[in-house]
Amino acid sequence: MTLGLILFAHGARDPRWAQPFEAVAAQVRAARPGTAVRLAYLELMAPDLPSVGAELAAAGCTQVQILPLFLGAGGHVRRDLPALVDGLRAAHPGTVFTLHHAAGESPHVIAALAAAGLAALDTPAAP
């Protein structure tokens, strides 16, 4: 495989927190079976970004896209993540790591969240 995708999330102590992210990864894998798709976490969960980046580089990925699964670009996305990506670039010069904007800034995600909000308005409140 020459193309990889890292879905990067914050992480949490409760492993159930990762279930939606695992579902996203599974859907991307199903849609792109020839692409190496991995999840990585900033903290509290494994694997971390340096480990996943090294794994994909060792597997022969020459291009790796990194998509932060964050709703907005706060300090982690603006400060911490670019430093981690710079470390990957230095450690694996044969692999091009491309960092994308936070997923929450995508018009597709904004539309999906608006649809969820509208659906909530149309759902009767629980007793």
N, C-alpha and C. Protein backbone atom coordinates (compact mmCIF):
# COMPACT_ATOMS: atom_id res chain seq x y z
N MET A 1 0.84 -1.18 0.00
CA MET A 1 0.00 0.00 0.00
C MET A 1 0.88 1.24 0.00
N THR A 2 0.54 2.18 -0.83
CA THR A 2 1.31 3.41 -0.84
C THR A 2 0.55 4.57 -0.22
N LEU A 3 -0.75 4.43 -0.02
CA LEU A 3 -1.55 5.51 0.53
C LEU A 3 -2.12 5.09 1.87
N GLY A 4 -2.01 6.00 2.84
CA GLY A 4 -2.56 5.73 4.16
C GLY A 4 -3.36 6.91 4.66
N LEU A 5 -4.23 6.63 5.60
CA LEU A 5 -5.05 7.66 6.25
C LEU A 5 -5.00 7.42 7.75
N ILE A 6 -4.63 8.47 8.47
CA ILE A 6 -4.68 8.42 9.93
C ILE A 6 -5.83 9.30 10.38
N LEU A 7 -6.78 8.70 11.06
CA LEU A 7 -7.87 9.44 11.69
C LEU A 7 -7.42 9.71 13.11
N PHE A 8 -7.23 10.98 13.43
CA PHE A 8 -6.61 11.37 14.69
C PHE A 8 -7.66 11.95 15.63
N ALA A 9 -7.78 11.34 16.81
CA ALA A 9 -8.77 11.78 17.80
C ALA A 9 -8.09 12.08 19.13
N HIS A 10 -8.82 12.70 20.02
CA HIS A 10 -8.25 13.12 21.30
C HIS A 10 -7.91 11.96 22.22
N GLY A 11 -8.85 11.07 22.42
CA GLY A 11 -8.67 9.97 23.38
C GLY A 11 -9.44 10.26 24.67
N ALA A 12 -9.73 9.21 25.41
CA ALA A 12 -10.48 9.33 26.66
C ALA A 12 -10.18 8.12 27.53
N ARG A 13 -10.51 8.22 28.80
CA ARG A 13 -10.28 7.10 29.71
C ARG A 13 -11.26 5.94 29.46
N ASP A 14 -12.47 6.28 29.06
CA ASP A 14 -13.50 5.28 28.83
C ASP A 14 -13.36 4.73 27.41
N PRO A 15 -13.07 3.45 27.24
CA PRO A 15 -12.88 2.90 25.90
C PRO A 15 -14.13 3.00 25.01
N ARG A 16 -15.31 3.11 25.62
CA ARG A 16 -16.54 3.26 24.82
C ARG A 16 -16.56 4.56 24.04
N TRP A 17 -15.82 5.56 24.51
CA TRP A 17 -15.73 6.85 23.84
C TRP A 17 -15.24 6.68 22.40
N ALA A 18 -14.40 5.69 22.15
CA ALA A 18 -13.80 5.49 20.83
C ALA A 18 -14.73 4.83 19.82
N GLN A 19 -15.86 4.32 20.24
CA GLN A 19 -16.74 3.58 19.33
C GLN A 19 -17.15 4.36 18.08
N PRO A 20 -17.55 5.63 18.19
CA PRO A 20 -17.90 6.34 16.94
C PRO A 20 -16.71 6.50 16.00
N PHE A 21 -15.52 6.68 16.55
CA PHE A 21 -14.33 6.83 15.72
C PHE A 21 -13.97 5.51 15.04
N GLU A 22 -14.16 4.42 15.75
CA GLU A 22 -13.94 3.10 15.16
C GLU A 22 -14.93 2.85 14.03
N ALA A 23 -16.16 3.33 14.20
CA ALA A 23 -17.17 3.18 13.15
C ALA A 23 -16.79 4.00 11.92
N VAL A 24 -16.27 5.20 12.13
CA VAL A 24 -15.81 6.02 11.00
C VAL A 24 -14.70 5.29 10.27
N ALA A 25 -13.71 4.77 11.01
CA ALA A 25 -12.59 4.05 10.38
C ALA A 25 -13.09 2.84 9.60
N ALA A 26 -14.04 2.11 10.16
CA ALA A 26 -14.57 0.92 9.48
C ALA A 26 -15.27 1.31 8.18
N GLN A 27 -16.01 2.40 8.18
CA GLN A 27 -16.69 2.83 6.96
C GLN A 27 -15.71 3.29 5.89
N VAL A 28 -14.65 3.98 6.32
CA VAL A 28 -13.63 4.41 5.35
C VAL A 28 -12.91 3.18 4.78
N ARG A 29 -12.58 2.23 5.64
CA ARG A 29 -11.91 1.00 5.16
C ARG A 29 -12.79 0.26 4.14
N ALA A 30 -14.08 0.19 4.43
CA ALA A 30 -15.00 -0.51 3.52
C ALA A 30 -15.09 0.21 2.17
N ALA A 31 -15.04 1.53 2.19
CA ALA A 31 -15.14 2.30 0.96
C ALA A 31 -13.83 2.33 0.18
N ARG A 32 -12.71 2.19 0.87
CA ARG A 32 -11.38 2.24 0.24
C ARG A 32 -10.54 1.06 0.71
N PRO A 33 -10.85 -0.15 0.25
CA PRO A 33 -10.15 -1.33 0.74
C PRO A 33 -8.65 -1.36 0.43
N GLY A 34 -8.19 -0.59 -0.53
CA GLY A 34 -6.77 -0.57 -0.86
C GLY A 34 -5.97 0.45 -0.07
N THR A 35 -6.62 1.14 0.85
CA THR A 35 -5.96 2.18 1.63
C THR A 35 -5.79 1.71 3.07
N ALA A 36 -4.60 1.96 3.61
CA ALA A 36 -4.34 1.65 5.02
C ALA A 36 -4.98 2.75 5.87
N VAL A 37 -5.98 2.39 6.66
CA VAL A 37 -6.70 3.35 7.49
C VAL A 37 -6.47 2.98 8.95
N ARG A 38 -5.97 3.93 9.72
CA ARG A 38 -5.68 3.68 11.13
C ARG A 38 -6.22 4.81 11.98
N LEU A 39 -6.54 4.48 13.22
CA LEU A 39 -6.89 5.47 14.23
C LEU A 39 -5.67 5.74 15.08
N ALA A 40 -5.51 6.98 15.50
CA ALA A 40 -4.45 7.35 16.44
C ALA A 40 -5.05 8.36 17.43
N TYR A 41 -4.47 8.39 18.62
CA TYR A 41 -5.01 9.24 19.68
C TYR A 41 -3.92 10.15 20.25
N LEU A 42 -4.34 11.32 20.68
CA LEU A 42 -3.44 12.28 21.29
C LEU A 42 -3.02 11.84 22.68
N GLU A 43 -3.99 11.38 23.47
CA GLU A 43 -3.68 10.99 24.84
C GLU A 43 -4.71 10.02 25.37
N LEU A 44 -4.34 9.35 26.43
CA LEU A 44 -5.20 8.45 27.20
C LEU A 44 -5.54 7.14 26.51
N MET A 45 -5.29 7.02 25.21
CA MET A 45 -5.59 5.80 24.48
C MET A 45 -4.43 5.47 23.54
N ALA A 46 -4.39 4.26 23.12
CA ALA A 46 -3.36 3.81 22.17
C ALA A 46 -4.06 3.30 20.93
N PRO A 47 -3.38 3.40 19.81
CA PRO A 47 -2.01 3.85 19.60
C PRO A 47 -1.92 5.37 19.45
N ASP A 48 -0.72 5.90 19.65
CA ASP A 48 -0.52 7.33 19.47
C ASP A 48 -0.07 7.61 18.03
N LEU A 49 -0.03 8.88 17.69
CA LEU A 49 0.29 9.27 16.31
C LEU A 49 1.69 8.85 15.88
N PRO A 50 2.73 9.04 16.69
CA PRO A 50 4.05 8.59 16.24
C PRO A 50 4.10 7.09 15.94
N SER A 51 3.42 6.28 16.74
CA SER A 51 3.41 4.83 16.51
C SER A 51 2.71 4.48 15.21
N VAL A 52 1.57 5.08 14.96
CA VAL A 52 0.80 4.78 13.75
C VAL A 52 1.54 5.29 12.51
N GLY A 53 2.11 6.48 12.61
CA GLY A 53 2.89 7.01 11.49
C GLY A 53 4.06 6.10 11.15
N ALA A 54 4.76 5.61 12.18
CA ALA A 54 5.89 4.69 11.95
C ALA A 54 5.41 3.38 11.33
N GLU A 55 4.27 2.88 11.80
CA GLU A 55 3.71 1.64 11.26
C GLU A 55 3.41 1.79 9.77
N LEU A 56 2.76 2.89 9.40
CA LEU A 56 2.39 3.08 7.99
C LEU A 56 3.63 3.29 7.12
N ALA A 57 4.60 4.03 7.62
CA ALA A 57 5.84 4.22 6.86
C ALA A 57 6.55 2.89 6.67
N ALA A 58 6.61 2.08 7.72
CA ALA A 58 7.26 0.77 7.63
C ALA A 58 6.51 -0.16 6.68
N ALA A 59 5.20 0.03 6.56
CA ALA A 59 4.39 -0.80 5.66
C ALA A 59 4.52 -0.36 4.21
N GLY A 60 5.27 0.70 3.95
CA GLY A 60 5.49 1.15 2.58
C GLY A 60 4.61 2.28 2.12
N CYS A 61 3.85 2.89 3.02
CA CYS A 61 3.04 4.04 2.61
C CYS A 61 3.97 5.21 2.30
N THR A 62 3.82 5.75 1.11
CA THR A 62 4.63 6.90 0.73
C THR A 62 3.87 8.21 0.91
N GLN A 63 2.56 8.10 1.05
CA GLN A 63 1.71 9.27 1.31
C GLN A 63 0.73 8.91 2.41
N VAL A 64 0.69 9.73 3.44
CA VAL A 64 -0.24 9.51 4.55
C VAL A 64 -1.00 10.81 4.80
N GLN A 65 -2.31 10.72 4.71
CA GLN A 65 -3.19 11.84 5.01
C GLN A 65 -3.57 11.75 6.48
N ILE A 66 -3.55 12.87 7.18
CA ILE A 66 -3.91 12.90 8.59
C ILE A 66 -5.13 13.80 8.75
N LEU A 67 -6.23 13.20 9.21
CA LEU A 67 -7.47 13.95 9.40
C LEU A 67 -7.79 14.02 10.88
N PRO A 68 -7.70 15.22 11.48
CA PRO A 68 -8.09 15.36 12.88
C PRO A 68 -9.61 15.23 13.03
N LEU A 69 -10.03 14.27 13.82
CA LEU A 69 -11.47 14.09 14.07
C LEU A 69 -11.87 14.95 15.27
N PHE A 70 -11.69 16.24 15.10
CA PHE A 70 -12.06 17.23 16.10
C PHE A 70 -13.12 18.13 15.47
N LEU A 71 -14.03 18.67 16.29
CA LEU A 71 -15.06 19.55 15.74
C LEU A 71 -14.49 20.91 15.35
N GLY A 72 -13.50 21.37 16.06
CA GLY A 72 -12.89 22.66 15.75
C GLY A 72 -11.40 22.59 15.95
N ALA A 73 -10.73 23.68 15.57
CA ALA A 73 -9.28 23.73 15.65
C ALA A 73 -8.86 24.50 16.90
N GLY A 74 -8.91 23.83 18.05
CA GLY A 74 -8.43 24.42 19.29
C GLY A 74 -6.94 24.22 19.42
N GLY A 75 -6.44 24.35 20.64
CA GLY A 75 -5.01 24.27 20.89
C GLY A 75 -4.37 22.97 20.46
N HIS A 76 -5.05 21.86 20.66
CA HIS A 76 -4.46 20.58 20.25
C HIS A 76 -4.24 20.53 18.74
N VAL A 77 -5.22 20.99 17.98
CA VAL A 77 -5.12 20.93 16.52
C VAL A 77 -4.16 21.99 16.00
N ARG A 78 -4.16 23.16 16.61
CA ARG A 78 -3.31 24.25 16.12
C ARG A 78 -1.86 24.13 16.58
N ARG A 79 -1.65 23.60 17.78
CA ARG A 79 -0.31 23.61 18.35
C ARG A 79 0.29 22.21 18.48
N ASP A 80 -0.41 21.32 19.16
CA ASP A 80 0.15 20.00 19.47
C ASP A 80 0.28 19.12 18.23
N LEU A 81 -0.76 19.06 17.43
CA LEU A 81 -0.76 18.19 16.26
C LEU A 81 0.30 18.56 15.23
N PRO A 82 0.45 19.84 14.86
CA PRO A 82 1.51 20.17 13.90
C PRO A 82 2.91 19.77 14.40
N ALA A 83 3.16 19.89 15.68
CA ALA A 83 4.46 19.47 16.23
C ALA A 83 4.64 17.96 16.09
N LEU A 84 3.58 17.20 16.33
CA LEU A 84 3.66 15.75 16.16
C LEU A 84 3.90 15.37 14.70
N VAL A 85 3.23 16.07 13.79
CA VAL A 85 3.40 15.79 12.37
C VAL A 85 4.82 16.16 11.92
N ASP A 86 5.35 17.25 12.42
CA ASP A 86 6.73 17.61 12.10
C ASP A 86 7.68 16.50 12.55
N GLY A 87 7.41 15.91 13.72
CA GLY A 87 8.22 14.79 14.19
C GLY A 87 8.14 13.59 13.27
N LEU A 88 6.94 13.30 12.75
CA LEU A 88 6.78 12.20 11.80
C LEU A 88 7.57 12.47 10.52
N ARG A 89 7.49 13.68 10.04
CA ARG A 89 8.21 14.04 8.81
C ARG A 89 9.72 13.88 8.98
N ALA A 90 10.22 14.28 10.14
CA ALA A 90 11.66 14.16 10.40
C ALA A 90 12.08 12.70 10.55
N ALA A 91 11.24 11.90 11.18
CA ALA A 91 11.58 10.50 11.43
C ALA A 91 11.40 9.61 10.20
N HIS A 92 10.54 10.02 9.27
CA HIS A 92 10.21 9.18 8.11
C HIS A 92 10.26 10.03 6.83
N PRO A 93 11.46 10.41 6.40
CA PRO A 93 11.56 11.31 5.25
C PRO A 93 11.07 10.71 3.93
N GLY A 94 10.92 9.40 3.86
CA GLY A 94 10.43 8.76 2.65
C GLY A 94 8.91 8.76 2.53
N THR A 95 8.25 9.28 3.53
CA THR A 95 6.79 9.32 3.54
C THR A 95 6.33 10.78 3.64
N VAL A 96 5.38 11.15 2.81
CA VAL A 96 4.82 12.50 2.84
C VAL A 96 3.59 12.46 3.75
N PHE A 97 3.64 13.22 4.83
CA PHE A 97 2.52 13.31 5.77
C PHE A 97 1.81 14.64 5.52
N THR A 98 0.52 14.57 5.18
CA THR A 98 -0.28 15.76 4.89
C THR A 98 -1.33 15.93 5.98
N LEU A 99 -1.29 17.06 6.63
CA LEU A 99 -2.23 17.36 7.71
C LEU A 99 -3.40 18.17 7.16
N HIS A 100 -4.61 17.67 7.41
CA HIS A 100 -5.83 18.34 6.96
C HIS A 100 -6.43 19.17 8.09
N HIS A 101 -7.37 20.02 7.72
CA HIS A 101 -8.12 20.80 8.72
C HIS A 101 -8.98 19.86 9.57
N ALA A 102 -9.40 20.32 10.72
CA ALA A 102 -10.27 19.54 11.59
C ALA A 102 -11.53 19.12 10.83
N ALA A 103 -11.95 17.88 11.03
CA ALA A 103 -13.12 17.34 10.32
C ALA A 103 -14.36 18.20 10.56
N GLY A 104 -14.48 18.76 11.74
CA GLY A 104 -15.65 19.57 12.07
C GLY A 104 -15.78 20.83 11.25
N GLU A 105 -14.72 21.22 10.55
CA GLU A 105 -14.78 22.39 9.69
C GLU A 105 -15.27 22.06 8.28
N SER A 106 -15.43 20.76 8.00
CA SER A 106 -15.90 20.33 6.68
C SER A 106 -17.38 20.67 6.52
N PRO A 107 -17.77 21.18 5.36
CA PRO A 107 -19.20 21.44 5.12
C PRO A 107 -20.05 20.17 5.27
N HIS A 108 -19.46 19.00 4.97
CA HIS A 108 -20.20 17.75 5.11
C HIS A 108 -20.51 17.46 6.58
N VAL A 109 -19.55 17.70 7.44
CA VAL A 109 -19.76 17.45 8.86
C VAL A 109 -20.72 18.49 9.45
N ILE A 110 -20.58 19.73 9.05
CA ILE A 110 -21.49 20.77 9.53
C ILE A 110 -22.93 20.43 9.12
N ALA A 111 -23.12 19.98 7.89
CA ALA A 111 -24.46 19.60 7.43
C ALA A 111 -24.99 18.40 8.21
N ALA A 112 -24.12 17.43 8.49
CA ALA A 112 -24.56 16.25 9.25
C ALA A 112 -24.96 16.64 10.67
N LEU A 113 -24.21 17.54 11.29
CA LEU A 113 -24.57 17.97 12.65
C LEU A 113 -25.85 18.79 12.65
N ALA A 114 -26.04 19.62 11.64
CA ALA A 114 -27.30 20.36 11.54
C ALA A 114 -28.47 19.41 11.36
N ALA A 115 -28.29 18.36 10.55
CA ALA A 115 -29.34 17.36 10.37
C ALA A 115 -29.64 16.64 11.68
N ALA A 116 -28.61 16.37 12.47
CA ALA A 116 -28.83 15.74 13.78
C ALA A 116 -29.60 16.67 14.70
N GLY A 117 -29.29 17.96 14.63
CA GLY A 117 -30.03 18.94 15.43
C GLY A 117 -31.49 19.00 15.03
N LEU A 118 -31.74 19.01 13.73
CA LEU A 118 -33.12 19.03 13.24
C LEU A 118 -33.86 17.76 13.63
N ALA A 119 -33.18 16.62 13.56
CA ALA A 119 -33.80 15.36 13.96
C ALA A 119 -34.16 15.38 15.44
N ALA A 120 -33.29 16.01 16.25
CA ALA A 120 -33.59 16.11 17.68
C ALA A 120 -34.85 16.94 17.93
N LEU A 121 -35.04 17.97 17.12
CA LEU A 121 -36.25 18.79 17.26
C LEU A 121 -37.50 18.02 16.91
N ASP A 122 -37.36 17.07 15.99
CA ASP A 122 -38.50 16.29 15.53
C ASP A 122 -38.76 15.02 16.34
N THR A 123 -37.90 14.77 17.32
CA THR A 123 -38.04 13.57 18.15
C THR A 123 -38.69 13.96 19.46
N PRO A 124 -39.76 13.27 19.84
CA PRO A 124 -40.40 13.61 21.11
C PRO A 124 -39.42 13.38 22.27
N ALA A 125 -39.52 14.25 23.24
CA ALA A 125 -38.65 14.15 24.42
C ALA A 125 -39.01 12.89 25.20
N ALA A 126 -37.99 12.29 25.78
CA ALA A 126 -38.22 11.10 26.61
C ALA A 126 -38.93 11.50 27.90
N PRO A 127 -39.81 10.61 28.38
CA PRO A 127 -40.57 10.95 29.61
C PRO A 127 -39.68 11.01 30.82
